[in-house]
Amino acid sequence: MGVLPEQRVSVITIGVSDLDGMIRFYTDVLGFEDRGVKNEVAFFNAGGLVIGLWDEKKLAADAGVAADRAGAFKGFALAYNARSADEVDEIFGRLESAGVRIPKPPHKAYWGGYSGYFADPEGNAWEVAHNPFWPIDEAGRVSVPLAKEQ
């Protein structure tokens, strides 16, 4: 039995330097529903979990860690699982039209799916992937089947 009574992620908070610009990107480009700013944190509904955007220095202080972003890679990637490879291409077409930076265009992935990466205005990595091995229910919830031993 784990420490958490339920295994789920509820909120992902991203440290940002330009809150207003990032709110515009997440609403106008990605289409997330802006739920407003409370106590300096912008919130968005994201299909059963919440994305928060908060000043990176304040987030680091709240977590008790140094606000050090020395490298370009932040050590994490957010992801959107699409229902098909065509949907991945459609999403990247829209991102490209919106002038979004695409460091890795969609391609057949080594693991048997199809994916690509884009970056939000502050360089946070987002993957858009079609994983034919992970079912997506009607509500958009992804589930990972039990791995089979080989």
N, C-alpha and C. Protein backbone atom coordinates (compact mmCIF):
# COMPACT_ATOMS: atom_id res chain seq x y z
N MET A 1 0.84 -1.18 0.00
CA MET A 1 0.00 0.00 0.00
C MET A 1 0.88 1.24 0.00
N GLY A 2 0.55 2.21 -0.83
CA GLY A 2 1.32 3.44 -0.92
C GLY A 2 0.92 4.44 0.15
N VAL A 3 1.67 5.50 0.22
CA VAL A 3 1.42 6.56 1.18
C VAL A 3 0.16 7.34 0.81
N LEU A 4 -0.05 7.54 -0.50
CA LEU A 4 -1.22 8.29 -0.95
C LEU A 4 -2.45 7.40 -0.95
N PRO A 5 -3.57 7.89 -0.44
CA PRO A 5 -4.78 7.07 -0.42
C PRO A 5 -5.33 6.79 -1.82
N GLU A 6 -5.07 7.70 -2.79
CA GLU A 6 -5.51 7.51 -4.17
C GLU A 6 -4.34 7.86 -5.08
N GLN A 7 -4.09 7.05 -6.09
CA GLN A 7 -2.99 7.29 -7.01
C GLN A 7 -3.48 8.16 -8.16
N ARG A 8 -3.15 9.45 -8.08
CA ARG A 8 -3.54 10.39 -9.13
C ARG A 8 -2.72 11.65 -9.01
N VAL A 9 -2.66 12.40 -10.06
CA VAL A 9 -2.06 13.73 -10.05
C VAL A 9 -3.21 14.71 -10.13
N SER A 10 -3.22 15.69 -9.25
CA SER A 10 -4.32 16.65 -9.20
C SER A 10 -3.96 17.99 -9.84
N VAL A 11 -2.74 18.46 -9.58
CA VAL A 11 -2.31 19.78 -10.05
C VAL A 11 -0.87 19.70 -10.53
N ILE A 12 -0.59 20.33 -11.65
CA ILE A 12 0.77 20.54 -12.12
C ILE A 12 0.97 22.05 -12.13
N THR A 13 1.93 22.53 -11.33
CA THR A 13 2.22 23.96 -11.28
C THR A 13 3.54 24.21 -12.00
N ILE A 14 3.50 25.13 -12.95
CA ILE A 14 4.67 25.46 -13.75
C ILE A 14 5.18 26.83 -13.31
N GLY A 15 6.46 26.90 -12.97
CA GLY A 15 7.07 28.18 -12.63
C GLY A 15 7.32 28.99 -13.89
N VAL A 16 6.89 30.25 -13.90
CA VAL A 16 7.00 31.10 -15.09
C VAL A 16 7.61 32.44 -14.73
N SER A 17 8.15 33.13 -15.73
CA SER A 17 8.68 34.47 -15.49
C SER A 17 7.74 35.56 -16.00
N ASP A 18 6.91 35.25 -16.99
CA ASP A 18 5.96 36.21 -17.56
C ASP A 18 4.55 35.63 -17.43
N LEU A 19 3.90 35.86 -16.30
CA LEU A 19 2.60 35.26 -16.04
C LEU A 19 1.56 35.66 -17.08
N ASP A 20 1.45 36.95 -17.39
CA ASP A 20 0.44 37.40 -18.35
C ASP A 20 0.65 36.78 -19.73
N GLY A 21 1.91 36.75 -20.19
CA GLY A 21 2.21 36.15 -21.49
C GLY A 21 1.90 34.67 -21.52
N MET A 22 2.21 33.99 -20.43
CA MET A 22 1.94 32.54 -20.38
C MET A 22 0.45 32.26 -20.30
N ILE A 23 -0.31 33.10 -19.60
CA ILE A 23 -1.78 32.93 -19.57
C ILE A 23 -2.32 33.05 -20.99
N ARG A 24 -1.86 34.06 -21.73
CA ARG A 24 -2.32 34.23 -23.12
C ARG A 24 -1.99 33.00 -23.96
N PHE A 25 -0.76 32.46 -23.82
CA PHE A 25 -0.37 31.29 -24.60
C PHE A 25 -1.26 30.09 -24.25
N TYR A 26 -1.44 29.83 -22.97
CA TYR A 26 -2.20 28.64 -22.56
C TYR A 26 -3.68 28.76 -22.91
N THR A 27 -4.23 29.97 -23.00
CA THR A 27 -5.63 30.12 -23.39
C THR A 27 -5.77 30.30 -24.90
N ASP A 28 -5.05 31.28 -25.47
CA ASP A 28 -5.24 31.62 -26.88
C ASP A 28 -4.66 30.60 -27.84
N VAL A 29 -3.52 30.00 -27.50
CA VAL A 29 -2.88 29.05 -28.42
C VAL A 29 -3.29 27.61 -28.10
N LEU A 30 -3.15 27.20 -26.83
CA LEU A 30 -3.46 25.82 -26.48
C LEU A 30 -4.94 25.59 -26.21
N GLY A 31 -5.68 26.64 -25.89
CA GLY A 31 -7.12 26.51 -25.72
C GLY A 31 -7.59 26.05 -24.35
N PHE A 32 -6.73 26.10 -23.34
CA PHE A 32 -7.16 25.72 -22.00
C PHE A 32 -8.13 26.75 -21.46
N GLU A 33 -9.06 26.29 -20.63
CA GLU A 33 -10.06 27.15 -20.02
C GLU A 33 -9.45 27.90 -18.83
N ASP A 34 -9.30 29.21 -18.97
CA ASP A 34 -8.73 30.05 -17.92
C ASP A 34 -9.74 30.17 -16.79
N ARG A 35 -9.34 29.79 -15.59
CA ARG A 35 -10.21 29.87 -14.42
C ARG A 35 -9.85 31.05 -13.53
N GLY A 36 -8.98 31.92 -14.00
CA GLY A 36 -8.64 33.12 -13.25
C GLY A 36 -7.39 32.97 -12.41
N VAL A 37 -7.02 34.07 -11.78
CA VAL A 37 -5.82 34.13 -10.94
C VAL A 37 -6.26 34.26 -9.49
N LYS A 38 -5.74 33.38 -8.64
CA LYS A 38 -6.02 33.44 -7.20
C LYS A 38 -4.69 33.36 -6.47
N ASN A 39 -4.44 34.35 -5.60
CA ASN A 39 -3.19 34.41 -4.87
C ASN A 39 -1.97 34.33 -5.80
N GLU A 40 -2.02 35.05 -6.91
CA GLU A 40 -0.93 35.16 -7.88
C GLU A 40 -0.70 33.90 -8.72
N VAL A 41 -1.58 32.90 -8.65
CA VAL A 41 -1.44 31.68 -9.45
C VAL A 41 -2.60 31.63 -10.45
N ALA A 42 -2.27 31.46 -11.73
CA ALA A 42 -3.30 31.28 -12.76
C ALA A 42 -3.65 29.81 -12.82
N PHE A 43 -4.94 29.50 -12.94
CA PHE A 43 -5.40 28.11 -12.97
C PHE A 43 -6.17 27.81 -14.24
N PHE A 44 -5.99 26.58 -14.73
CA PHE A 44 -6.67 26.10 -15.93
C PHE A 44 -7.19 24.69 -15.67
N ASN A 45 -8.43 24.42 -16.08
CA ASN A 45 -8.93 23.05 -16.06
C ASN A 45 -8.27 22.30 -17.20
N ALA A 46 -7.89 21.06 -16.93
CA ALA A 46 -7.19 20.27 -17.95
C ALA A 46 -7.64 18.81 -17.88
N GLY A 47 -8.91 18.58 -18.17
CA GLY A 47 -9.42 17.22 -18.27
C GLY A 47 -9.26 16.38 -17.01
N GLY A 48 -9.63 16.90 -15.89
CA GLY A 48 -9.56 16.13 -14.66
C GLY A 48 -8.38 16.47 -13.77
N LEU A 49 -7.47 17.29 -14.27
CA LEU A 49 -6.43 17.81 -13.41
C LEU A 49 -6.34 19.31 -13.67
N VAL A 50 -5.57 20.00 -12.85
CA VAL A 50 -5.47 21.44 -12.93
C VAL A 50 -4.02 21.81 -13.26
N ILE A 51 -3.86 22.78 -14.18
CA ILE A 51 -2.54 23.35 -14.45
C ILE A 51 -2.51 24.71 -13.78
N GLY A 52 -1.44 24.95 -13.03
CA GLY A 52 -1.23 26.25 -12.41
C GLY A 52 0.01 26.90 -12.99
N LEU A 53 -0.02 28.21 -13.15
CA LEU A 53 1.14 28.98 -13.58
C LEU A 53 1.44 29.98 -12.46
N TRP A 54 2.68 29.97 -11.96
CA TRP A 54 3.04 30.82 -10.82
C TRP A 54 4.45 31.34 -11.02
N ASP A 55 4.73 32.50 -10.54
CA ASP A 55 6.06 33.08 -10.62
C ASP A 55 7.10 32.06 -10.18
N GLU A 56 8.10 31.80 -11.03
CA GLU A 56 9.07 30.73 -10.75
C GLU A 56 9.85 30.94 -9.46
N LYS A 57 10.16 32.19 -9.12
CA LYS A 57 10.90 32.44 -7.88
C LYS A 57 10.03 32.15 -6.66
N LYS A 58 8.77 32.51 -6.74
CA LYS A 58 7.85 32.25 -5.62
C LYS A 58 7.56 30.75 -5.49
N LEU A 59 7.45 30.07 -6.63
CA LEU A 59 7.23 28.62 -6.58
C LEU A 59 8.44 27.92 -5.97
N ALA A 60 9.64 28.33 -6.38
CA ALA A 60 10.85 27.73 -5.82
C ALA A 60 10.94 27.99 -4.32
N ALA A 61 10.64 29.22 -3.89
CA ALA A 61 10.67 29.55 -2.46
C ALA A 61 9.64 28.72 -1.69
N ASP A 62 8.45 28.57 -2.27
CA ASP A 62 7.40 27.79 -1.62
C ASP A 62 7.82 26.34 -1.45
N ALA A 63 8.54 25.82 -2.45
CA ALA A 63 9.01 24.42 -2.40
C ALA A 63 10.29 24.27 -1.59
N GLY A 64 10.92 25.39 -1.22
CA GLY A 64 12.15 25.32 -0.45
C GLY A 64 13.36 24.91 -1.26
N VAL A 65 13.37 25.28 -2.56
CA VAL A 65 14.50 24.93 -3.43
C VAL A 65 15.02 26.20 -4.11
N ALA A 66 16.23 26.12 -4.65
CA ALA A 66 16.82 27.25 -5.37
C ALA A 66 16.11 27.48 -6.69
N ALA A 67 15.92 28.72 -7.05
CA ALA A 67 15.29 29.07 -8.33
C ALA A 67 16.36 29.11 -9.40
N ASP A 68 16.93 27.96 -9.74
CA ASP A 68 18.04 27.86 -10.68
C ASP A 68 17.58 27.18 -11.96
N ARG A 69 17.56 27.94 -13.04
CA ARG A 69 17.18 27.41 -14.34
C ARG A 69 18.36 27.49 -15.30
N ALA A 70 19.48 27.00 -14.86
CA ALA A 70 20.71 27.14 -15.64
C ALA A 70 20.60 26.47 -17.01
N GLY A 71 20.04 25.28 -17.10
CA GLY A 71 19.96 24.56 -18.36
C GLY A 71 18.67 24.85 -19.11
N ALA A 72 18.67 24.59 -20.42
CA ALA A 72 17.48 24.81 -21.22
C ALA A 72 16.42 23.75 -20.93
N PHE A 73 16.84 22.52 -20.62
CA PHE A 73 15.88 21.46 -20.32
C PHE A 73 15.54 21.50 -18.85
N LYS A 74 14.27 21.53 -18.53
CA LYS A 74 13.81 21.70 -17.16
C LYS A 74 13.73 20.39 -16.38
N GLY A 75 13.94 19.26 -17.05
CA GLY A 75 13.89 17.98 -16.35
C GLY A 75 12.52 17.34 -16.34
N PHE A 76 11.58 17.87 -17.12
CA PHE A 76 10.25 17.27 -17.22
C PHE A 76 9.64 17.64 -18.57
N ALA A 77 8.64 16.89 -18.97
CA ALA A 77 7.85 17.24 -20.14
C ALA A 77 6.39 16.96 -19.81
N LEU A 78 5.53 17.84 -20.24
CA LEU A 78 4.09 17.64 -20.13
C LEU A 78 3.66 16.96 -21.42
N ALA A 79 2.55 16.26 -21.40
CA ALA A 79 2.16 15.55 -22.61
C ALA A 79 0.65 15.55 -22.82
N TYR A 80 0.28 15.53 -24.08
CA TYR A 80 -1.11 15.38 -24.51
C TYR A 80 -1.15 14.14 -25.38
N ASN A 81 -2.00 13.19 -25.02
CA ASN A 81 -2.15 11.99 -25.84
C ASN A 81 -3.32 12.17 -26.79
N ALA A 82 -3.02 12.08 -28.07
CA ALA A 82 -4.02 12.22 -29.12
C ALA A 82 -4.63 10.86 -29.45
N ARG A 83 -5.76 10.88 -30.10
CA ARG A 83 -6.46 9.63 -30.44
C ARG A 83 -5.95 8.99 -31.72
N SER A 84 -5.14 9.73 -32.50
CA SER A 84 -4.60 9.18 -33.75
C SER A 84 -3.36 9.97 -34.17
N ALA A 85 -2.58 9.38 -35.07
CA ALA A 85 -1.43 10.08 -35.63
C ALA A 85 -1.90 11.29 -36.44
N ASP A 86 -3.04 11.16 -37.13
CA ASP A 86 -3.58 12.29 -37.88
C ASP A 86 -3.90 13.46 -36.97
N GLU A 87 -4.41 13.16 -35.78
CA GLU A 87 -4.71 14.22 -34.82
C GLU A 87 -3.42 14.91 -34.37
N VAL A 88 -2.36 14.14 -34.17
CA VAL A 88 -1.06 14.73 -33.81
C VAL A 88 -0.64 15.72 -34.90
N ASP A 89 -0.71 15.30 -36.17
CA ASP A 89 -0.33 16.18 -37.28
C ASP A 89 -1.21 17.43 -37.32
N GLU A 90 -2.50 17.26 -37.08
CA GLU A 90 -3.43 18.39 -37.08
C GLU A 90 -3.06 19.40 -35.99
N ILE A 91 -2.75 18.91 -34.80
CA ILE A 91 -2.35 19.77 -33.69
C ILE A 91 -1.07 20.52 -34.02
N PHE A 92 -0.08 19.83 -34.57
CA PHE A 92 1.18 20.49 -34.93
C PHE A 92 0.98 21.51 -36.04
N GLY A 93 0.06 21.25 -36.95
CA GLY A 93 -0.25 22.24 -37.97
C GLY A 93 -0.77 23.52 -37.35
N ARG A 94 -1.65 23.39 -36.36
CA ARG A 94 -2.18 24.57 -35.67
C ARG A 94 -1.08 25.29 -34.88
N LEU A 95 -0.22 24.51 -34.21
CA LEU A 95 0.87 25.10 -33.44
C LEU A 95 1.80 25.89 -34.37
N GLU A 96 2.13 25.30 -35.51
CA GLU A 96 3.01 25.96 -36.48
C GLU A 96 2.37 27.25 -36.98
N SER A 97 1.07 27.20 -37.28
CA SER A 97 0.36 28.40 -37.74
C SER A 97 0.36 29.50 -36.69
N ALA A 98 0.40 29.11 -35.42
CA ALA A 98 0.41 30.08 -34.32
C ALA A 98 1.82 30.57 -33.99
N GLY A 99 2.82 30.08 -34.73
CA GLY A 99 4.19 30.52 -34.52
C GLY A 99 4.88 29.89 -33.31
N VAL A 100 4.37 28.75 -32.87
CA VAL A 100 4.94 28.07 -31.71
C VAL A 100 6.23 27.37 -32.11
N ARG A 101 7.22 27.42 -31.23
CA ARG A 101 8.51 26.75 -31.49
C ARG A 101 8.33 25.24 -31.39
N ILE A 102 8.77 24.53 -32.42
CA ILE A 102 8.64 23.07 -32.49
C ILE A 102 10.05 22.48 -32.61
N PRO A 103 10.65 22.09 -31.47
CA PRO A 103 12.01 21.55 -31.53
C PRO A 103 12.08 20.15 -32.14
N LYS A 104 10.99 19.40 -32.08
CA LYS A 104 11.00 18.04 -32.64
C LYS A 104 9.64 17.76 -33.28
N PRO A 105 9.56 17.88 -34.61
CA PRO A 105 8.28 17.64 -35.31
C PRO A 105 7.80 16.20 -35.13
N PRO A 106 6.52 15.97 -35.39
CA PRO A 106 5.98 14.61 -35.25
C PRO A 106 6.73 13.61 -36.13
N HIS A 107 6.89 12.41 -35.58
CA HIS A 107 7.63 11.35 -36.28
C HIS A 107 7.22 10.01 -35.68
N LYS A 108 7.50 8.95 -36.40
CA LYS A 108 7.29 7.61 -35.85
C LYS A 108 8.32 7.41 -34.74
N ALA A 109 7.82 7.06 -33.57
CA ALA A 109 8.70 6.93 -32.40
C ALA A 109 9.23 5.51 -32.27
N TYR A 110 10.38 5.39 -31.64
CA TYR A 110 11.03 4.08 -31.46
C TYR A 110 10.16 3.10 -30.68
N TRP A 111 9.23 3.61 -29.87
CA TRP A 111 8.41 2.75 -29.02
C TRP A 111 7.12 2.30 -29.71
N GLY A 112 6.94 2.67 -30.97
CA GLY A 112 5.81 2.17 -31.74
C GLY A 112 4.67 3.16 -31.91
N GLY A 113 4.82 4.35 -31.38
CA GLY A 113 3.80 5.37 -31.53
C GLY A 113 4.24 6.47 -32.47
N TYR A 114 3.65 7.64 -32.32
CA TYR A 114 3.90 8.78 -33.19
C TYR A 114 3.88 10.01 -32.31
N SER A 115 4.96 10.80 -32.29
CA SER A 115 4.97 11.94 -31.39
C SER A 115 5.90 13.04 -31.86
N GLY A 116 5.72 14.21 -31.27
CA GLY A 116 6.57 15.36 -31.50
C GLY A 116 6.53 16.25 -30.27
N TYR A 117 7.41 17.25 -30.24
CA TYR A 117 7.49 18.16 -29.11
C TYR A 117 7.38 19.61 -29.56
N PHE A 118 6.69 20.41 -28.74
CA PHE A 118 6.71 21.86 -28.91
C PHE A 118 7.09 22.47 -27.57
N ALA A 119 7.41 23.75 -27.60
CA ALA A 119 7.79 24.45 -26.37
C ALA A 119 6.86 25.63 -26.16
N ASP A 120 6.45 25.83 -24.89
CA ASP A 120 5.68 27.04 -24.60
C ASP A 120 6.64 28.23 -24.63
N PRO A 121 6.15 29.46 -24.48
CA PRO A 121 7.03 30.63 -24.63
C PRO A 121 8.21 30.67 -23.67
N GLU A 122 8.16 29.93 -22.57
CA GLU A 122 9.28 29.93 -21.62
C GLU A 122 10.10 28.65 -21.70
N GLY A 123 9.89 27.88 -22.77
CA GLY A 123 10.74 26.72 -23.03
C GLY A 123 10.32 25.42 -22.36
N ASN A 124 9.15 25.39 -21.72
CA ASN A 124 8.69 24.14 -21.13
C ASN A 124 8.28 23.17 -22.24
N ALA A 125 8.76 21.95 -22.15
CA ALA A 125 8.53 20.96 -23.20
C ALA A 125 7.15 20.33 -23.08
N TRP A 126 6.46 20.26 -24.20
CA TRP A 126 5.18 19.58 -24.33
C TRP A 126 5.31 18.53 -25.43
N GLU A 127 4.89 17.31 -25.14
CA GLU A 127 4.84 16.26 -26.15
C GLU A 127 3.39 16.07 -26.56
N VAL A 128 3.18 15.90 -27.85
CA VAL A 128 1.88 15.48 -28.36
C VAL A 128 2.13 14.13 -29.02
N ALA A 129 1.43 13.09 -28.53
CA ALA A 129 1.72 11.74 -28.98
C ALA A 129 0.44 10.95 -29.22
N HIS A 130 0.55 10.03 -30.17
CA HIS A 130 -0.46 8.98 -30.29
C HIS A 130 0.23 7.69 -29.87
N ASN A 131 -0.28 7.09 -28.80
CA ASN A 131 0.25 5.82 -28.32
C ASN A 131 -0.81 4.76 -28.57
N PRO A 132 -0.63 3.92 -29.58
CA PRO A 132 -1.67 2.95 -29.92
C PRO A 132 -1.85 1.88 -28.85
N PHE A 133 -0.97 1.85 -27.86
CA PHE A 133 -1.03 0.82 -26.82
C PHE A 133 -1.76 1.30 -25.56
N TRP A 134 -2.05 2.59 -25.46
CA TRP A 134 -2.72 3.15 -24.29
C TRP A 134 -4.14 3.58 -24.68
N PRO A 135 -5.15 2.96 -24.11
CA PRO A 135 -6.52 3.36 -24.44
C PRO A 135 -6.88 4.74 -23.86
N ILE A 136 -7.72 5.46 -24.60
CA ILE A 136 -8.26 6.75 -24.16
C ILE A 136 -9.78 6.59 -24.13
N ASP A 137 -10.40 6.84 -22.96
CA ASP A 137 -11.85 6.68 -22.88
C ASP A 137 -12.56 7.90 -23.46
N GLU A 138 -13.89 7.87 -23.48
CA GLU A 138 -14.66 8.97 -24.09
C GLU A 138 -14.40 10.30 -23.41
N ALA A 139 -14.08 10.28 -22.12
CA ALA A 139 -13.82 11.51 -21.37
C ALA A 139 -12.39 12.01 -21.58
N GLY A 140 -11.57 11.27 -22.34
CA GLY A 140 -10.20 11.68 -22.60
C GLY A 140 -9.19 11.19 -21.58
N ARG A 141 -9.62 10.30 -20.68
CA ARG A 141 -8.70 9.77 -19.68
C ARG A 141 -7.88 8.64 -20.29
N VAL A 142 -6.58 8.72 -20.08
CA VAL A 142 -5.65 7.72 -20.59
C VAL A 142 -5.38 6.70 -19.49
N SER A 143 -5.28 5.44 -19.88
CA SER A 143 -4.87 4.42 -18.90
C SER A 143 -3.72 3.61 -19.49
N VAL A 144 -2.83 3.23 -18.60
CA VAL A 144 -1.65 2.47 -19.00
C VAL A 144 -1.91 1.00 -18.68
N PRO A 145 -1.94 0.14 -19.69
CA PRO A 145 -2.14 -1.28 -19.40
C PRO A 145 -0.94 -1.85 -18.66
N LEU A 146 -1.16 -2.93 -17.95
CA LEU A 146 -0.10 -3.61 -17.22
C LEU A 146 0.94 -4.10 -18.22
N ALA A 147 2.20 -3.82 -17.94
CA ALA A 147 3.29 -4.27 -18.82
C ALA A 147 3.41 -5.78 -18.75
N LYS A 148 3.62 -6.38 -19.90
CA LYS A 148 3.81 -7.85 -19.97
C LYS A 148 5.29 -8.14 -19.92
N GLU A 149 5.65 -9.14 -19.14
CA GLU A 149 7.06 -9.54 -19.10
C GLU A 149 7.44 -10.15 -20.43
N GLN A 150 8.69 -9.91 -20.85
CA GLN A 150 9.13 -10.41 -22.15
C GLN A 150 10.18 -11.47 -21.97
